Amino acid sequence: MRILALFILTFIFWLLLTLDFSVANLVAGAAAALVTSLLFAKYFFKKVVKFLQPVRYFWLLVYLVIFTWECIKANFDVAYRVLHPAMPIKPGIVKIKLGLQSDFARTMLANSITMTPGTISVDIIDDELFVHWIYVRSEDPEVYSQKIAGKFEKYIKKIFE
Protein backbone atom coordinates (compact mmCIF):
# COMPACT_ATOMS: atom_id res chain seq x y z
CA MET A 1 0.00 0.00 0.00
CA ARG A 2 2.92 2.36 0.74
CA ILE A 3 4.28 1.83 -2.75
CA LEU A 4 0.92 2.62 -4.34
CA ALA A 5 0.48 5.79 -2.26
CA LEU A 6 3.95 7.06 -3.11
CA PHE A 7 3.49 6.10 -6.77
CA ILE A 8 0.31 8.20 -6.99
CA LEU A 9 1.93 11.15 -5.23
CA THR A 10 5.10 11.14 -7.34
CA PHE A 11 3.17 10.60 -10.58
CA ILE A 12 0.92 13.59 -9.80
CA PHE A 13 4.02 15.62 -8.96
CA TRP A 14 5.57 14.60 -12.30
CA LEU A 15 2.47 15.75 -14.17
CA LEU A 16 2.42 19.06 -12.32
CA LEU A 17 6.08 19.66 -13.14
CA THR A 18 5.87 18.79 -16.82
CA LEU A 19 2.28 19.81 -17.67
CA ASP A 20 2.58 17.49 -20.66
CA PHE A 21 -0.06 14.81 -21.11
CA SER A 22 1.37 13.10 -24.17
CA VAL A 23 1.64 9.31 -24.11
CA ALA A 24 5.45 9.42 -24.03
CA ASN A 25 5.45 11.75 -21.02
CA LEU A 26 2.82 9.69 -19.20
CA VAL A 27 4.90 6.53 -19.71
CA ALA A 28 8.11 8.28 -18.62
CA GLY A 29 6.35 9.74 -15.57
CA ALA A 30 4.87 6.38 -14.62
CA ALA A 31 8.29 4.73 -14.96
CA ALA A 32 9.99 7.41 -12.86
CA ALA A 33 7.23 7.24 -10.24
CA LEU A 34 7.45 3.45 -10.11
CA VAL A 35 11.23 3.43 -9.64
CA THR A 36 10.98 6.15 -7.01
CA SER A 37 8.21 4.30 -5.20
CA LEU A 38 10.07 1.00 -5.17
CA LEU A 39 13.24 2.61 -3.83
CA PHE A 40 11.83 5.04 -1.28
CA ALA A 41 8.40 3.85 -0.10
CA LYS A 42 9.86 2.25 3.01
CA TYR A 43 11.13 5.66 4.12
CA PHE A 44 8.11 7.75 3.24
CA PHE A 45 4.70 6.78 4.60
CA LYS A 46 4.20 5.05 7.92
CA LYS A 47 0.42 5.22 7.92
CA VAL A 48 -1.00 5.23 4.40
CA VAL A 49 -4.51 5.84 5.76
CA LYS A 50 -3.54 9.48 6.33
CA PHE A 51 -2.79 9.82 2.63
CA LEU A 52 -6.37 8.83 1.79
CA GLN A 53 -8.12 11.40 4.01
CA PRO A 54 -9.46 14.26 1.85
CA VAL A 55 -9.67 16.71 4.77
CA ARG A 56 -5.88 16.74 4.90
CA TYR A 57 -5.78 18.06 1.33
CA PHE A 58 -8.12 20.89 2.31
CA TRP A 59 -5.78 21.86 5.16
CA LEU A 60 -2.83 21.61 2.76
CA LEU A 61 -4.48 24.19 0.49
CA VAL A 62 -5.18 26.46 3.47
CA TYR A 63 -1.58 26.04 4.60
CA LEU A 64 -0.22 26.93 1.15
CA VAL A 65 -2.20 30.18 1.15
CA ILE A 66 -1.00 31.09 4.65
CA PHE A 67 2.59 30.11 3.84
CA THR A 68 2.56 32.22 0.67
CA TRP A 69 1.18 35.22 2.56
CA GLU A 70 3.78 34.86 5.34
CA CYS A 71 6.57 34.65 2.74
CA ILE A 72 5.36 37.82 1.04
CA LYS A 73 5.24 39.67 4.36
CA ALA A 74 8.69 38.39 5.33
CA ASN A 75 10.14 39.45 1.97
CA PHE A 76 8.96 43.01 2.51
CA ASP A 77 10.29 42.96 6.08
CA VAL A 78 13.75 41.80 4.98
CA ALA A 79 13.78 44.27 2.07
CA TYR A 80 12.94 47.06 4.52
CA ARG A 81 15.82 46.04 6.79
CA VAL A 82 18.29 45.81 3.92
CA LEU A 83 17.29 49.14 2.34
CA HIS A 84 16.97 51.09 5.60
CA PRO A 85 20.03 53.34 6.17
CA ALA A 86 20.43 52.17 9.78
CA MET A 87 19.92 48.49 8.80
CA PRO A 88 17.76 47.64 11.85
CA ILE A 89 18.70 44.06 12.61
CA LYS A 90 18.94 42.27 15.93
CA PRO A 91 19.98 38.72 14.99
CA GLY A 92 19.86 35.81 17.34
CA ILE A 93 19.10 32.13 17.73
CA VAL A 94 15.85 31.27 19.44
CA LYS A 95 14.64 27.95 20.80
CA ILE A 96 11.12 26.86 19.88
CA LYS A 97 9.31 24.05 21.72
CA LEU A 98 7.78 21.70 19.14
CA GLY A 99 4.27 20.31 19.43
CA LEU A 100 4.76 18.01 16.43
CA GLN A 101 5.55 14.33 16.94
CA SER A 102 6.40 12.88 13.53
CA ASP A 103 9.79 13.46 11.95
CA PHE A 104 8.16 14.34 8.62
CA ALA A 105 5.98 17.05 10.22
CA ARG A 106 8.98 18.48 12.05
CA THR A 107 10.96 18.56 8.82
CA MET A 108 8.11 20.33 7.04
CA LEU A 109 7.97 22.95 9.80
CA ALA A 110 11.75 23.47 9.72
CA ASN A 111 11.69 23.79 5.93
CA SER A 112 8.77 26.21 6.03
CA ILE A 113 10.62 28.40 8.52
CA THR A 114 13.80 28.27 6.45
CA MET A 115 11.96 29.20 3.25
CA THR A 116 10.51 32.27 4.95
CA PRO A 117 13.00 35.16 4.52
CA GLY A 118 14.61 36.38 7.72
CA THR A 119 14.66 32.99 9.44
CA ILE A 120 16.62 29.80 9.04
CA SER A 121 16.27 26.54 10.93
CA VAL A 122 19.55 25.53 12.50
CA ASP A 123 18.89 22.27 14.34
CA ILE A 124 16.26 20.07 15.95
CA ILE A 125 17.25 18.53 19.26
CA ASP A 126 14.65 16.40 21.02
CA ASP A 127 11.49 18.55 21.10
CA GLU A 128 13.20 21.86 20.39
CA LEU A 129 13.84 23.63 17.11
CA PHE A 130 16.64 26.20 16.98
CA VAL A 131 16.05 29.06 14.55
CA HIS A 132 18.30 31.94 13.53
CA TRP A 133 16.12 35.04 13.28
CA ILE A 134 17.14 38.31 11.63
CA TYR A 135 15.33 40.44 14.21
CA VAL A 136 14.59 38.94 17.62
CA ARG A 137 11.54 40.92 18.71
CA SER A 138 11.08 39.37 22.14
CA GLU A 139 12.94 37.43 24.79
CA ASP A 140 9.74 35.58 25.77
CA PRO A 141 9.71 32.05 24.29
CA GLU A 142 5.92 32.05 23.93
CA VAL A 143 5.95 35.27 21.92
CA TYR A 144 8.70 34.36 19.49
CA SER A 145 7.50 30.77 19.14
CA GLN A 146 4.08 32.03 18.08
CA LYS A 147 5.63 34.64 15.79
CA ILE A 148 7.93 32.20 13.98
CA ALA A 149 6.26 28.77 14.06
CA GLY A 150 2.75 29.25 15.43
CA LYS A 151 1.02 29.93 12.13
CA PHE A 152 2.70 27.00 10.42
CA GLU A 153 2.68 24.42 13.19
CA LYS A 154 -1.06 24.17 13.72
CA TYR A 155 -1.72 23.53 10.01
CA ILE A 156 1.19 21.12 9.62
CA LYS A 157 -0.23 19.16 12.55
CA LYS A 158 -3.62 18.94 10.80
CA ILE A 159 -1.98 17.79 7.55
CA PHE A 160 0.70 15.35 8.67
CA GLU A 161 -0.29 14.04 12.11
C-alpha atoms as a PDB file:
ATOM      1  CA  MET A   1       0.000   0.000   0.000  1.00  0.00           C
ATOM      2  CA  ARG A   2       2.919   2.355   0.739  1.00  0.00           C
ATOM      3  CA  ILE A   3       4.280   1.826  -2.745  1.00  0.00           C
ATOM      4  CA  LEU A   4       0.921   2.621  -4.336  1.00  0.00           C
ATOM      5  CA  ALA A   5       0.482   5.793  -2.261  1.00  0.00           C
ATOM      6  CA  LEU A   6       3.954   7.061  -3.108  1.00  0.00           C
ATOM      7  CA  PHE A   7       3.492   6.105  -6.767  1.00  0.00           C
ATOM      8  CA  ILE A   8       0.311   8.199  -6.990  1.00  0.00           C
ATOM      9  CA  LEU A   9       1.934  11.146  -5.226  1.00  0.00           C
ATOM     10  CA  THR A  10       5.098  11.143  -7.340  1.00  0.00           C
ATOM     11  CA  PHE A  11       3.170  10.605 -10.576  1.00  0.00           C
ATOM     12  CA  ILE A  12       0.917  13.593  -9.803  1.00  0.00           C
ATOM     13  CA  PHE A  13       4.025  15.624  -8.959  1.00  0.00           C
ATOM     14  CA  TRP A  14       5.568  14.600 -12.302  1.00  0.00           C
ATOM     15  CA  LEU A  15       2.474  15.746 -14.168  1.00  0.00           C
ATOM     16  CA  LEU A  16       2.419  19.055 -12.315  1.00  0.00           C
ATOM     17  CA  LEU A  17       6.077  19.656 -13.137  1.00  0.00           C
ATOM     18  CA  THR A  18       5.865  18.786 -16.819  1.00  0.00           C
ATOM     19  CA  LEU A  19       2.281  19.813 -17.673  1.00  0.00           C
ATOM     20  CA  ASP A  20       2.583  17.488 -20.658  1.00  0.00           C
ATOM     21  CA  PHE A  21      -0.063  14.806 -21.108  1.00  0.00           C
ATOM     22  CA  SER A  22       1.368  13.097 -24.173  1.00  0.00           C
ATOM     23  CA  VAL A  23       1.642   9.314 -24.113  1.00  0.00           C
ATOM     24  CA  ALA A  24       5.452   9.423 -24.028  1.00  0.00           C
ATOM     25  CA  ASN A  25       5.450  11.750 -21.022  1.00  0.00           C
ATOM     26  CA  LEU A  26       2.824   9.694 -19.200  1.00  0.00           C
ATOM     27  CA  VAL A  27       4.904   6.534 -19.710  1.00  0.00           C
ATOM     28  CA  ALA A  28       8.110   8.283 -18.618  1.00  0.00           C
ATOM     29  CA  GLY A  29       6.354   9.737 -15.568  1.00  0.00           C
ATOM     30  CA  ALA A  30       4.874   6.382 -14.620  1.00  0.00           C
ATOM     31  CA  ALA A  31       8.289   4.732 -14.959  1.00  0.00           C
ATOM     32  CA  ALA A  32       9.992   7.410 -12.856  1.00  0.00           C
ATOM     33  CA  ALA A  33       7.227   7.245 -10.240  1.00  0.00           C
ATOM     34  CA  LEU A  34       7.455   3.448 -10.111  1.00  0.00           C
ATOM     35  CA  VAL A  35      11.226   3.426  -9.639  1.00  0.00           C
ATOM     36  CA  THR A  36      10.983   6.148  -7.006  1.00  0.00           C
ATOM     37  CA  SER A  37       8.209   4.299  -5.205  1.00  0.00           C
ATOM     38  CA  LEU A  38      10.066   1.000  -5.174  1.00  0.00           C
ATOM     39  CA  LEU A  39      13.240   2.605  -3.832  1.00  0.00           C
ATOM     40  CA  PHE A  40      11.829   5.042  -1.285  1.00  0.00           C
ATOM     41  CA  ALA A  41       8.399   3.849  -0.104  1.00  0.00           C
ATOM     42  CA  LYS A  42       9.856   2.249   3.005  1.00  0.00           C
ATOM     43  CA  TYR A  43      11.134   5.662   4.123  1.00  0.00           C
ATOM     44  CA  PHE A  44       8.107   7.750   3.239  1.00  0.00           C
ATOM     45  CA  PHE A  45       4.702   6.779   4.596  1.00  0.00           C
ATOM     46  CA  LYS A  46       4.199   5.050   7.916  1.00  0.00           C
ATOM     47  CA  LYS A  47       0.419   5.217   7.918  1.00  0.00           C
ATOM     48  CA  VAL A  48      -0.996   5.232   4.401  1.00  0.00           C
ATOM     49  CA  VAL A  49      -4.509   5.836   5.759  1.00  0.00           C
ATOM     50  CA  LYS A  50      -3.536   9.476   6.331  1.00  0.00           C
ATOM     51  CA  PHE A  51      -2.791   9.818   2.627  1.00  0.00           C
ATOM     52  CA  LEU A  52      -6.367   8.825   1.786  1.00  0.00           C
ATOM     53  CA  GLN A  53      -8.124  11.398   4.011  1.00  0.00           C
ATOM     54  CA  PRO A  54      -9.459  14.264   1.847  1.00  0.00           C
ATOM     55  CA  VAL A  55      -9.674  16.708   4.767  1.00  0.00           C
ATOM     56  CA  ARG A  56      -5.877  16.737   4.901  1.00  0.00           C
ATOM     57  CA  TYR A  57      -5.782  18.061   1.328  1.00  0.00           C
ATOM     58  CA  PHE A  58      -8.125  20.887   2.314  1.00  0.00           C
ATOM     59  CA  TRP A  59      -5.778  21.857   5.159  1.00  0.00           C
ATOM     60  CA  LEU A  60      -2.832  21.611   2.756  1.00  0.00           C
ATOM     61  CA  LEU A  61      -4.476  24.192   0.489  1.00  0.00           C
ATOM     62  CA  VAL A  62      -5.176  26.458   3.473  1.00  0.00           C
ATOM     63  CA  TYR A  63      -1.577  26.040   4.597  1.00  0.00           C
ATOM     64  CA  LEU A  64      -0.222  26.930   1.152  1.00  0.00           C
ATOM     65  CA  VAL A  65      -2.198  30.183   1.148  1.00  0.00           C
ATOM     66  CA  ILE A  66      -1.002  31.095   4.651  1.00  0.00           C
ATOM     67  CA  PHE A  67       2.593  30.111   3.842  1.00  0.00           C
ATOM     68  CA  THR A  68       2.557  32.215   0.671  1.00  0.00           C
ATOM     69  CA  TRP A  69       1.178  35.221   2.560  1.00  0.00           C
ATOM     70  CA  GLU A  70       3.781  34.860   5.338  1.00  0.00           C
ATOM     71  CA  CYS A  71       6.570  34.647   2.743  1.00  0.00           C
ATOM     72  CA  ILE A  72       5.356  37.818   1.036  1.00  0.00           C
ATOM     73  CA  LYS A  73       5.240  39.674   4.365  1.00  0.00           C
ATOM     74  CA  ALA A  74       8.691  38.392   5.330  1.00  0.00           C
ATOM     75  CA  ASN A  75      10.139  39.446   1.969  1.00  0.00           C
ATOM     76  CA  PHE A  76       8.960  43.006   2.509  1.00  0.00           C
ATOM     77  CA  ASP A  77      10.291  42.963   6.077  1.00  0.00           C
ATOM     78  CA  VAL A  78      13.750  41.805   4.980  1.00  0.00           C
ATOM     79  CA  ALA A  79      13.775  44.266   2.067  1.00  0.00           C
ATOM     80  CA  TYR A  80      12.940  47.062   4.518  1.00  0.00           C
ATOM     81  CA  ARG A  81      15.817  46.036   6.795  1.00  0.00           C
ATOM     82  CA  VAL A  82      18.294  45.810   3.916  1.00  0.00           C
ATOM     83  CA  LEU A  83      17.294  49.137   2.345  1.00  0.00           C
ATOM     84  CA  HIS A  84      16.969  51.089   5.603  1.00  0.00           C
ATOM     85  CA  PRO A  85      20.027  53.339   6.166  1.00  0.00           C
ATOM     86  CA  ALA A  86      20.435  52.167   9.783  1.00  0.00           C
ATOM     87  CA  MET A  87      19.922  48.489   8.804  1.00  0.00           C
ATOM     88  CA  PRO A  88      17.763  47.636  11.849  1.00  0.00           C
ATOM     89  CA  ILE A  89      18.698  44.064  12.613  1.00  0.00           C
ATOM     90  CA  LYS A  90      18.940  42.271  15.931  1.00  0.00           C
ATOM     91  CA  PRO A  91      19.978  38.718  14.986  1.00  0.00           C
ATOM     92  CA  GLY A  92      19.863  35.808  17.342  1.00  0.00           C
ATOM     93  CA  ILE A  93      19.101  32.126  17.727  1.00  0.00           C
ATOM     94  CA  VAL A  94      15.851  31.273  19.443  1.00  0.00           C
ATOM     95  CA  LYS A  95      14.636  27.951  20.802  1.00  0.00           C
ATOM     96  CA  ILE A  96      11.115  26.857  19.878  1.00  0.00           C
ATOM     97  CA  LYS A  97       9.306  24.053  21.721  1.00  0.00           C
ATOM     98  CA  LEU A  98       7.775  21.702  19.136  1.00  0.00           C
ATOM     99  CA  GLY A  99       4.272  20.305  19.427  1.00  0.00           C
ATOM    100  CA  LEU A 100       4.756  18.009  16.434  1.00  0.00           C
ATOM    101  CA  GLN A 101       5.546  14.332  16.942  1.00  0.00           C
ATOM    102  CA  SER A 102       6.398  12.884  13.532  1.00  0.00           C
ATOM    103  CA  ASP A 103       9.786  13.465  11.947  1.00  0.00           C
ATOM    104  CA  PHE A 104       8.163  14.337   8.624  1.00  0.00           C
ATOM    105  CA  ALA A 105       5.980  17.046  10.217  1.00  0.00           C
ATOM    106  CA  ARG A 106       8.975  18.484  12.051  1.00  0.00           C
ATOM    107  CA  THR A 107      10.960  18.556   8.824  1.00  0.00           C
ATOM    108  CA  MET A 108       8.108  20.332   7.041  1.00  0.00           C
ATOM    109  CA  LEU A 109       7.974  22.952   9.804  1.00  0.00           C
ATOM    110  CA  ALA A 110      11.751  23.465   9.718  1.00  0.00           C
ATOM    111  CA  ASN A 111      11.693  23.792   5.926  1.00  0.00           C
ATOM    112  CA  SER A 112       8.769  26.210   6.031  1.00  0.00           C
ATOM    113  CA  ILE A 113      10.616  28.397   8.523  1.00  0.00           C
ATOM    114  CA  THR A 114      13.803  28.273   6.453  1.00  0.00           C
ATOM    115  CA  MET A 115      11.957  29.195   3.248  1.00  0.00           C
ATOM    116  CA  THR A 116      10.509  32.269   4.953  1.00  0.00           C
ATOM    117  CA  PRO A 117      12.998  35.155   4.525  1.00  0.00           C
ATOM    118  CA  GLY A 118      14.608  36.385   7.723  1.00  0.00           C
ATOM    119  CA  THR A 119      14.658  32.994   9.443  1.00  0.00           C
ATOM    120  CA  ILE A 120      16.624  29.801   9.042  1.00  0.00           C
ATOM    121  CA  SER A 121      16.271  26.542  10.932  1.00  0.00           C
ATOM    122  CA  VAL A 122      19.551  25.534  12.501  1.00  0.00           C
ATOM    123  CA  ASP A 123      18.886  22.266  14.336  1.00  0.00           C
ATOM    124  CA  ILE A 124      16.257  20.066  15.947  1.00  0.00           C
ATOM    125  CA  ILE A 125      17.252  18.533  19.264  1.00  0.00           C
ATOM    126  CA  ASP A 126      14.651  16.401  21.022  1.00  0.00           C
ATOM    127  CA  ASP A 127      11.487  18.554  21.102  1.00  0.00           C
ATOM    128  CA  GLU A 128      13.204  21.860  20.390  1.00  0.00           C
ATOM    129  CA  LEU A 129      13.841  23.633  17.112  1.00  0.00           C
ATOM    130  CA  PHE A 130      16.640  26.199  16.981  1.00  0.00           C
ATOM    131  CA  VAL A 131      16.049  29.060  14.547  1.00  0.00           C
ATOM    132  CA  HIS A 132      18.299  31.942  13.530  1.00  0.00           C
ATOM    133  CA  TRP A 133      16.116  35.039  13.283  1.00  0.00           C
ATOM    134  CA  ILE A 134      17.139  38.309  11.633  1.00  0.00           C
ATOM    135  CA  TYR A 135      15.332  40.445  14.210  1.00  0.00           C
ATOM    136  CA  VAL A 136      14.589  38.942  17.617  1.00  0.00           C
ATOM    137  CA  ARG A 137      11.544  40.924  18.710  1.00  0.00           C
ATOM    138  CA  SER A 138      11.079  39.366  22.137  1.00  0.00           C
ATOM    139  CA  GLU A 139      12.941  37.428  24.787  1.00  0.00           C
ATOM    140  CA  ASP A 140       9.743  35.583  25.770  1.00  0.00           C
ATOM    141  CA  PRO A 141       9.714  32.046  24.289  1.00  0.00           C
ATOM    142  CA  GLU A 142       5.917  32.046  23.933  1.00  0.00           C
ATOM    143  CA  VAL A 143       5.949  35.267  21.917  1.00  0.00           C
ATOM    144  CA  TYR A 144       8.705  34.365  19.491  1.00  0.00           C
ATOM    145  CA  SER A 145       7.496  30.766  19.140  1.00  0.00           C
ATOM    146  CA  GLN A 146       4.079  32.033  18.084  1.00  0.00           C
ATOM    147  CA  LYS A 147       5.630  34.644  15.792  1.00  0.00           C
ATOM    148  CA  ILE A 148       7.932  32.197  13.980  1.00  0.00           C
ATOM    149  CA  ALA A 149       6.256  28.771  14.057  1.00  0.00           C
ATOM    150  CA  GLY A 150       2.753  29.251  15.430  1.00  0.00           C
ATOM    151  CA  LYS A 151       1.016  29.932  12.129  1.00  0.00           C
ATOM    152  CA  PHE A 152       2.695  27.005  10.418  1.00  0.00           C
ATOM    153  CA  GLU A 153       2.683  24.422  13.185  1.00  0.00           C
ATOM    154  CA  LYS A 154      -1.064  24.174  13.717  1.00  0.00           C
ATOM    155  CA  TYR A 155      -1.721  23.534  10.009  1.00  0.00           C
ATOM    156  CA  ILE A 156       1.185  21.122   9.623  1.00  0.00           C
ATOM    157  CA  LYS A 157      -0.226  19.164  12.546  1.00  0.00           C
ATOM    158  CA  LYS A 158      -3.616  18.941  10.796  1.00  0.00           C
ATOM    159  CA  ILE A 159      -1.978  17.793   7.546  1.00  0.00           C
ATOM    160  CA  PHE A 160       0.700  15.346   8.669  1.00  0.00           C
ATOM    161  CA  GLU A 161      -0.292  14.038  12.108  1.00  0.00           C
END
